[in-house]
Every structure is written in C-alpha cells, then in structure tokens.
Amino acid sequence: MVEATPSPTRKRADARRNAETLLDAAAAAFVTGGVAVPVREIAAVAGVGVGTIYRHFPTRADLIVAVYRHQVDACAAAGPELLARTESAHAALASWIDLFVDFLVTKHGLAEALQSTDPTFEALHSYFLDNLVPVCADIVDAAARAGEIRSDVRPIDLMRAVGNLCIGAGSDTQYDARRMVGVLVAGLRVQPGR
C-alpha cells in the first residue's frame, strides 16, 4: 500500500503552525530573558532542535524581526475580530488596547535591539505604524460614530499615550501599567447628558 503524501496546502498549514509555535516560544523567552536568551532555551520551549531555529532564522536579528512582526500581525488581526464580536465599539477598543498593552509590555529587550545600528531593524518602526495605527483608527472611529467615546481622539495620540503609560512597567514592580491604561480608556467615554 502506498502512503499518500500530504497536500502542499496541508504542508504549508503545518509549516505555518510550526513557525507560529517557534515565534511564540521565542517571544516568551524574550520576555523572561531578553533578546539575548540562548537559542537552545527557545528551542526547548518550542520543542524543536536548535538547527530548526537556525534553518528558519539564520541570525538572531532575523529571529527578533520575525517575533516582532508576528506580534504586530497578531495585534493587528485582533482589531477587526474584536469589532465583529464585541457588544460595543468601546468594549472592542478596551479589549484591543489591552492586547496592545501586552504587546508593549512583553517586548522586553526588543527596544534595545530596535535602537541598535543593525540595518535589519530599520523597517520595523514603519511596520508597526503601518499595521497598527489603521487598526486602532478603525476601532476609535467605530466607537466615536457610536457616540461611545469623544470624537476628537486621534489614534496615534492614543497609542502614544498607552505606550508612555507602559514605560514604567519594566522598572517598577509596584507600577500597574494595565490599571493606568484602563483609567485612560475609561476616560475616553462620553458621559451621558454631556
């Protein structure tokens, strides 16, 4: 009996899942150990050999870029999903901002790498802006159209404010970035009768 070979579509789906598992493992390792965490630790978390990581990402910079893009893509994809399944646009905005906080707080070590002179990182800031600002804008616009938040909220300003509130999370264990961002998002709401 001849064994059937997997279809190209199935192979691509499996490869995509494996890459996502590897990127999620690398992201988790970066949170606990920074971007200089040994590749063998990432491989162990992902359940793959070190060679598999190097086959996909020949340099540490390639891995860092892939993790960063993967996290940006996940945050961007969540926006439309949240708008479609959440009871209100403000609730979708609050949930998306919560994911954005996770992205910002968990990119431990990435900021230093992104500020290096390595040309591999040059396009990442644009990638971030090009993919996340439009998603934030769609949700902010939906919430403003629904009369749930102020109409003068600029998405880029909101994202900068959230980013600034997240800065203290890495240096002060008593600081609760998520709580402060929650105060900010609650403050966007339009008060009844005003």
C-alpha atoms as a PDB file:
ATOM      1  CA  MET A   1       0.000   0.000   0.000  1.00  0.00           C
ATOM      2  CA  VAL A   2       1.389   3.407  -0.992  1.00  0.00           C
ATOM      3  CA  GLU A   3       1.185   6.078   1.668  1.00  0.00           C
ATOM      4  CA  ALA A   4      -0.385   9.312   0.485  1.00  0.00           C
ATOM      5  CA  THR A   5       1.838  12.361   0.642  1.00  0.00           C
ATOM      6  CA  PRO A   6       0.429  15.407   2.366  1.00  0.00           C
ATOM      7  CA  SER A   7      -1.003  18.015   0.030  1.00  0.00           C
ATOM      8  CA  PRO A   8       1.010  21.230  -0.469  1.00  0.00           C
ATOM      9  CA  THR A   9      -1.770  23.139   1.314  1.00  0.00           C
ATOM     10  CA  ARG A  10      -1.550  20.844   4.348  1.00  0.00           C
ATOM     11  CA  LYS A  11       2.251  21.126   4.364  1.00  0.00           C
ATOM     12  CA  ARG A  12       2.004  24.927   4.263  1.00  0.00           C
ATOM     13  CA  ALA A  13      -0.531  24.946   7.124  1.00  0.00           C
ATOM     14  CA  ASP A  14       1.705  22.659   9.200  1.00  0.00           C
ATOM     15  CA  ALA A  15       4.775  24.782   8.440  1.00  0.00           C
ATOM     16  CA  ARG A  16       2.853  27.936   9.370  1.00  0.00           C
ATOM     17  CA  ARG A  17       1.714  26.396  12.672  1.00  0.00           C
ATOM     18  CA  ASN A  18       5.263  25.242  13.429  1.00  0.00           C
ATOM     19  CA  ALA A  19       6.632  28.716  12.671  1.00  0.00           C
ATOM     20  CA  GLU A  20       3.975  30.296  14.921  1.00  0.00           C
ATOM     21  CA  THR A  21       4.868  27.892  17.740  1.00  0.00           C
ATOM     22  CA  LEU A  22       8.524  28.768  17.332  1.00  0.00           C
ATOM     23  CA  LEU A  23       7.813  32.525  17.265  1.00  0.00           C
ATOM     24  CA  ASP A  24       5.549  32.288  20.324  1.00  0.00           C
ATOM     25  CA  ALA A  25       8.280  30.370  22.166  1.00  0.00           C
ATOM     26  CA  ALA A  26      10.870  32.983  21.187  1.00  0.00           C
ATOM     27  CA  ALA A  27       8.571  35.811  22.307  1.00  0.00           C
ATOM     28  CA  ALA A  28       8.037  34.114  25.681  1.00  0.00           C
ATOM     29  CA  ALA A  29      11.778  33.575  26.071  1.00  0.00           C
ATOM     30  CA  PHE A  30      12.440  37.232  25.211  1.00  0.00           C
ATOM     31  CA  VAL A  31      10.044  38.282  27.985  1.00  0.00           C
ATOM     32  CA  THR A  32      11.881  36.312  30.644  1.00  0.00           C
ATOM     33  CA  GLY A  33      15.454  36.503  29.364  1.00  0.00           C
ATOM     34  CA  GLY A  34      15.617  39.403  26.907  1.00  0.00           C
ATOM     35  CA  VAL A  35      16.597  39.085  23.268  1.00  0.00           C
ATOM     36  CA  ALA A  36      19.992  37.650  24.192  1.00  0.00           C
ATOM     37  CA  VAL A  37      18.406  34.485  25.624  1.00  0.00           C
ATOM     38  CA  PRO A  38      20.277  31.390  24.363  1.00  0.00           C
ATOM     39  CA  VAL A  39      18.745  29.834  21.257  1.00  0.00           C
ATOM     40  CA  ARG A  40      18.800  26.417  22.939  1.00  0.00           C
ATOM     41  CA  GLU A  41      16.307  27.755  25.542  1.00  0.00           C
ATOM     42  CA  ILE A  42      13.966  28.939  22.782  1.00  0.00           C
ATOM     43  CA  ALA A  43      14.318  25.580  21.042  1.00  0.00           C
ATOM     44  CA  ALA A  44      13.485  23.728  24.251  1.00  0.00           C
ATOM     45  CA  VAL A  45      10.329  25.789  24.819  1.00  0.00           C
ATOM     46  CA  ALA A  46       9.289  25.312  21.170  1.00  0.00           C
ATOM     47  CA  GLY A  47      10.037  21.594  21.281  1.00  0.00           C
ATOM     48  CA  VAL A  48      12.407  21.754  18.306  1.00  0.00           C
ATOM     49  CA  GLY A  49      16.126  21.400  17.749  1.00  0.00           C
ATOM     50  CA  VAL A  50      18.443  24.396  17.623  1.00  0.00           C
ATOM     51  CA  GLY A  51      19.082  23.609  13.955  1.00  0.00           C
ATOM     52  CA  THR A  52      15.406  24.145  13.174  1.00  0.00           C
ATOM     53  CA  ILE A  53      15.578  27.672  14.533  1.00  0.00           C
ATOM     54  CA  TYR A  54      18.725  28.462  12.552  1.00  0.00           C
ATOM     55  CA  ARG A  55      17.208  26.961   9.407  1.00  0.00           C
ATOM     56  CA  HIS A  56      14.291  29.400   9.654  1.00  0.00           C
ATOM     57  CA  PHE A  57      16.196  32.325  11.179  1.00  0.00           C
ATOM     58  CA  PRO A  58      19.918  32.275  10.295  1.00  0.00           C
ATOM     59  CA  THR A  59      20.738  35.200  12.612  1.00  0.00           C
ATOM     60  CA  ARG A  60      19.425  36.421  15.961  1.00  0.00           C
ATOM     61  CA  ALA A  61      18.374  39.642  14.212  1.00  0.00           C
ATOM     62  CA  ASP A  62      16.234  37.602  11.789  1.00  0.00           C
ATOM     63  CA  LEU A  63      14.532  35.902  14.754  1.00  0.00           C
ATOM     64  CA  ILE A  64      13.947  39.199  16.572  1.00  0.00           C
ATOM     65  CA  VAL A  65      12.427  40.753  13.439  1.00  0.00           C
ATOM     66  CA  ALA A  66      10.194  37.719  12.899  1.00  0.00           C
ATOM     67  CA  VAL A  67       8.977  37.755  16.524  1.00  0.00           C
ATOM     68  CA  TYR A  68       8.261  41.477  16.386  1.00  0.00           C
ATOM     69  CA  ARG A  69       6.351  41.181  13.081  1.00  0.00           C
ATOM     70  CA  HIS A  70       4.444  38.145  14.376  1.00  0.00           C
ATOM     71  CA  GLN A  71       3.319  40.087  17.439  1.00  0.00           C
ATOM     72  CA  VAL A  72       2.362  43.146  15.382  1.00  0.00           C
ATOM     73  CA  ASP A  73       0.400  40.931  12.975  1.00  0.00           C
ATOM     74  CA  ALA A  74      -1.457  39.228  15.838  1.00  0.00           C
ATOM     75  CA  CYS A  75      -2.376  42.572  17.391  1.00  0.00           C
ATOM     76  CA  ALA A  76      -3.492  43.938  14.013  1.00  0.00           C
ATOM     77  CA  ALA A  77      -5.611  40.859  13.230  1.00  0.00           C
ATOM     78  CA  ALA A  78      -7.364  41.098  16.587  1.00  0.00           C
ATOM     79  CA  GLY A  79      -8.878  44.535  15.863  1.00  0.00           C
ATOM     80  CA  PRO A  80     -11.463  43.557  13.238  1.00  0.00           C
ATOM     81  CA  GLU A  81     -12.273  40.353  15.133  1.00  0.00           C
ATOM     82  CA  LEU A  82     -12.970  42.302  18.325  1.00  0.00           C
ATOM     83  CA  LEU A  83     -15.153  44.827  16.498  1.00  0.00           C
ATOM     84  CA  ALA A  84     -17.161  41.989  14.962  1.00  0.00           C
ATOM     85  CA  ARG A  85     -17.773  40.019  18.166  1.00  0.00           C
ATOM     86  CA  THR A  86     -17.825  42.580  20.983  1.00  0.00           C
ATOM     87  CA  GLU A  87     -21.055  44.125  22.251  1.00  0.00           C
ATOM     88  CA  SER A  88     -19.856  47.704  21.744  1.00  0.00           C
ATOM     89  CA  ALA A  89     -17.113  49.532  19.908  1.00  0.00           C
ATOM     90  CA  HIS A  90     -15.831  50.934  23.227  1.00  0.00           C
ATOM     91  CA  ALA A  91     -15.567  47.406  24.619  1.00  0.00           C
ATOM     92  CA  ALA A  92     -13.714  46.365  21.448  1.00  0.00           C
ATOM     93  CA  LEU A  93     -11.387  49.339  21.893  1.00  0.00           C
ATOM     94  CA  ALA A  94     -10.742  48.449  25.550  1.00  0.00           C
ATOM     95  CA  SER A  95     -10.003  44.825  24.607  1.00  0.00           C
ATOM     96  CA  TRP A  96      -7.731  45.822  21.725  1.00  0.00           C
ATOM     97  CA  ILE A  97      -5.861  48.328  23.884  1.00  0.00           C
ATOM     98  CA  ASP A  98      -5.403  45.525  26.435  1.00  0.00           C
ATOM     99  CA  LEU A  99      -3.756  43.396  23.713  1.00  0.00           C
ATOM    100  CA  PHE A 100      -1.663  46.398  22.680  1.00  0.00           C
ATOM    101  CA  VAL A 101      -0.502  46.762  26.306  1.00  0.00           C
ATOM    102  CA  ASP A 102       0.505  43.074  26.271  1.00  0.00           C
ATOM    103  CA  PHE A 103       2.476  43.726  23.097  1.00  0.00           C
ATOM    104  CA  LEU A 104       4.227  46.754  24.575  1.00  0.00           C
ATOM    105  CA  VAL A 105       4.954  45.286  27.995  1.00  0.00           C
ATOM    106  CA  THR A 106       6.117  41.904  26.719  1.00  0.00           C
ATOM    107  CA  LYS A 107       8.563  43.178  24.126  1.00  0.00           C
ATOM    108  CA  HIS A 108      11.158  43.078  26.889  1.00  0.00           C
ATOM    109  CA  GLY A 109      14.585  43.512  25.352  1.00  0.00           C
ATOM    110  CA  LEU A 110      13.264  44.382  21.913  1.00  0.00           C
ATOM    111  CA  ALA A 111      13.531  48.123  22.463  1.00  0.00           C
ATOM    112  CA  GLU A 112      17.286  47.885  22.922  1.00  0.00           C
ATOM    113  CA  ALA A 113      17.651  45.716  19.839  1.00  0.00           C
ATOM    114  CA  LEU A 114      15.462  48.026  17.771  1.00  0.00           C
ATOM    115  CA  GLN A 115      17.613  51.016  18.714  1.00  0.00           C
ATOM    116  CA  SER A 116      20.810  49.288  17.621  1.00  0.00           C
ATOM    117  CA  THR A 117      22.632  50.147  14.408  1.00  0.00           C
ATOM    118  CA  ASP A 118      21.777  46.787  12.840  1.00  0.00           C
ATOM    119  CA  PRO A 119      20.123  47.589   9.486  1.00  0.00           C
ATOM    120  CA  THR A 120      17.869  44.531   9.883  1.00  0.00           C
ATOM    121  CA  PHE A 121      15.732  46.513  12.350  1.00  0.00           C
ATOM    122  CA  GLU A 122      15.336  49.720  10.302  1.00  0.00           C
ATOM    123  CA  ALA A 123      11.925  48.955   8.801  1.00  0.00           C
ATOM    124  CA  LEU A 124      10.266  47.700  11.990  1.00  0.00           C
ATOM    125  CA  HIS A 125       9.034  51.048  13.280  1.00  0.00           C
ATOM    126  CA  SER A 126       7.293  51.694   9.953  1.00  0.00           C
ATOM    127  CA  TYR A 127       5.888  48.161  10.003  1.00  0.00           C
ATOM    128  CA  PHE A 128       4.472  48.852  13.474  1.00  0.00           C
ATOM    129  CA  LEU A 129       2.875  52.154  12.405  1.00  0.00           C
ATOM    130  CA  ASP A 130       1.627  50.890   9.032  1.00  0.00           C
ATOM    131  CA  ASN A 131      -0.102  47.879  10.588  1.00  0.00           C
ATOM    132  CA  LEU A 132      -1.345  49.038  13.984  1.00  0.00           C
ATOM    133  CA  VAL A 133      -2.369  52.674  13.531  1.00  0.00           C
ATOM    134  CA  PRO A 134      -5.052  51.839  10.904  1.00  0.00           C
ATOM    135  CA  VAL A 135      -6.484  49.120  13.154  1.00  0.00           C
ATOM    136  CA  CYS A 136      -6.635  51.491  16.106  1.00  0.00           C
ATOM    137  CA  ALA A 137      -8.183  54.140  13.827  1.00  0.00           C
ATOM    138  CA  ASP A 138     -10.945  51.754  12.708  1.00  0.00           C
ATOM    139  CA  ILE A 139     -11.882  50.907  16.281  1.00  0.00           C
ATOM    140  CA  VAL A 140     -11.632  54.505  17.516  1.00  0.00           C
ATOM    141  CA  ASP A 141     -13.768  55.684  14.577  1.00  0.00           C
ATOM    142  CA  ALA A 142     -16.387  52.998  15.262  1.00  0.00           C
ATOM    143  CA  ALA A 143     -16.561  53.984  18.932  1.00  0.00           C
ATOM    144  CA  ALA A 144     -16.800  57.692  18.061  1.00  0.00           C
ATOM    145  CA  ARG A 145     -19.529  57.049  15.442  1.00  0.00           C
ATOM    146  CA  ALA A 146     -21.461  55.074  18.062  1.00  0.00           C
ATOM    147  CA  GLY A 147     -21.219  58.057  20.419  1.00  0.00           C
ATOM    148  CA  GLU A 148     -19.333  55.964  22.971  1.00  0.00           C
ATOM    149  CA  ILE A 149     -16.098  57.971  23.044  1.00  0.00           C
ATOM    150  CA  ARG A 150     -15.034  61.517  22.369  1.00  0.00           C
ATOM    151  CA  SER A 151     -14.831  62.335  18.669  1.00  0.00           C
ATOM    152  CA  ASP A 152     -11.522  64.203  18.935  1.00  0.00           C
ATOM    153  CA  VAL A 153      -9.386  61.165  19.833  1.00  0.00           C
ATOM    154  CA  ARG A 154      -6.524  60.707  17.381  1.00  0.00           C
ATOM    155  CA  PRO A 155      -5.472  57.045  17.160  1.00  0.00           C
ATOM    156  CA  ILE A 156      -1.745  57.799  17.052  1.00  0.00           C
ATOM    157  CA  ASP A 157      -2.074  60.024  20.140  1.00  0.00           C
ATOM    158  CA  LEU A 158      -3.956  57.275  21.971  1.00  0.00           C
ATOM    159  CA  MET A 159      -1.292  54.726  21.065  1.00  0.00           C
ATOM    160  CA  ARG A 160       1.480  57.075  22.206  1.00  0.00           C
ATOM    161  CA  ALA A 161      -0.342  57.705  25.490  1.00  0.00           C
ATOM    162  CA  VAL A 162      -0.694  53.963  26.060  1.00  0.00           C
ATOM    163  CA  GLY A 163       2.966  53.484  25.190  1.00  0.00           C
ATOM    164  CA  ASN A 164       4.005  56.169  27.649  1.00  0.00           C
ATOM    165  CA  LEU A 165       1.904  54.600  30.395  1.00  0.00           C
ATOM    166  CA  CYS A 166       3.605  51.249  29.744  1.00  0.00           C
ATOM    167  CA  ILE A 167       7.146  52.593  30.093  1.00  0.00           C
ATOM    168  CA  GLY A 168       7.203  52.307  33.890  1.00  0.00           C
ATOM    169  CA  ALA A 169       6.214  48.640  33.858  1.00  0.00           C
ATOM    170  CA  GLY A 170       9.759  47.418  33.331  1.00  0.00           C
ATOM    171  CA  SER A 171      11.446  49.386  36.079  1.00  0.00           C
ATOM    172  CA  ASP A 172       8.923  49.461  38.950  1.00  0.00           C
ATOM    173  CA  THR A 173       7.312  46.280  40.231  1.00  0.00           C
ATOM    174  CA  GLN A 174       4.657  48.341  42.033  1.00  0.00           C
ATOM    175  CA  TYR A 175       3.582  50.080  38.835  1.00  0.00           C
ATOM    176  CA  ASP A 176       0.492  48.626  37.166  1.00  0.00           C
ATOM    177  CA  ALA A 177       0.511  49.738  33.534  1.00  0.00           C
ATOM    178  CA  ARG A 178      -2.697  47.870  32.755  1.00  0.00           C
ATOM    179  CA  ARG A 179      -4.591  49.699  35.507  1.00  0.00           C
ATOM    180  CA  MET A 180      -3.330  53.096  34.342  1.00  0.00           C
ATOM    181  CA  VAL A 181      -4.228  52.320  30.742  1.00  0.00           C
ATOM    182  CA  GLY A 182      -7.675  51.230  31.956  1.00  0.00           C
ATOM    183  CA  VAL A 183      -8.112  54.662  33.536  1.00  0.00           C
ATOM    184  CA  LEU A 184      -7.133  56.275  30.233  1.00  0.00           C
ATOM    185  CA  VAL A 185      -9.556  54.168  28.179  1.00  0.00           C
ATOM    186  CA  ALA A 186     -12.387  54.752  30.669  1.00  0.00           C
ATOM    187  CA  GLY A 187     -11.697  58.472  30.394  1.00  0.00           C
ATOM    188  CA  LEU A 188     -12.388  58.384  26.660  1.00  0.00           C
ATOM    189  CA  ARG A 189     -16.045  57.539  27.258  1.00  0.00           C
ATOM    190  CA  VAL A 190     -18.677  60.147  26.548  1.00  0.00           C
ATOM    191  CA  GLN A 191     -20.606  60.892  29.726  1.00  0.00           C
ATOM    192  CA  PRO A 192     -24.412  60.684  29.404  1.00  0.00           C
ATOM    193  CA  GLY A 193     -26.073  64.080  29.361  1.00  0.00           C
ATOM    194  CA  ARG A 194     -22.949  65.954  28.206  1.00  0.00           C
END
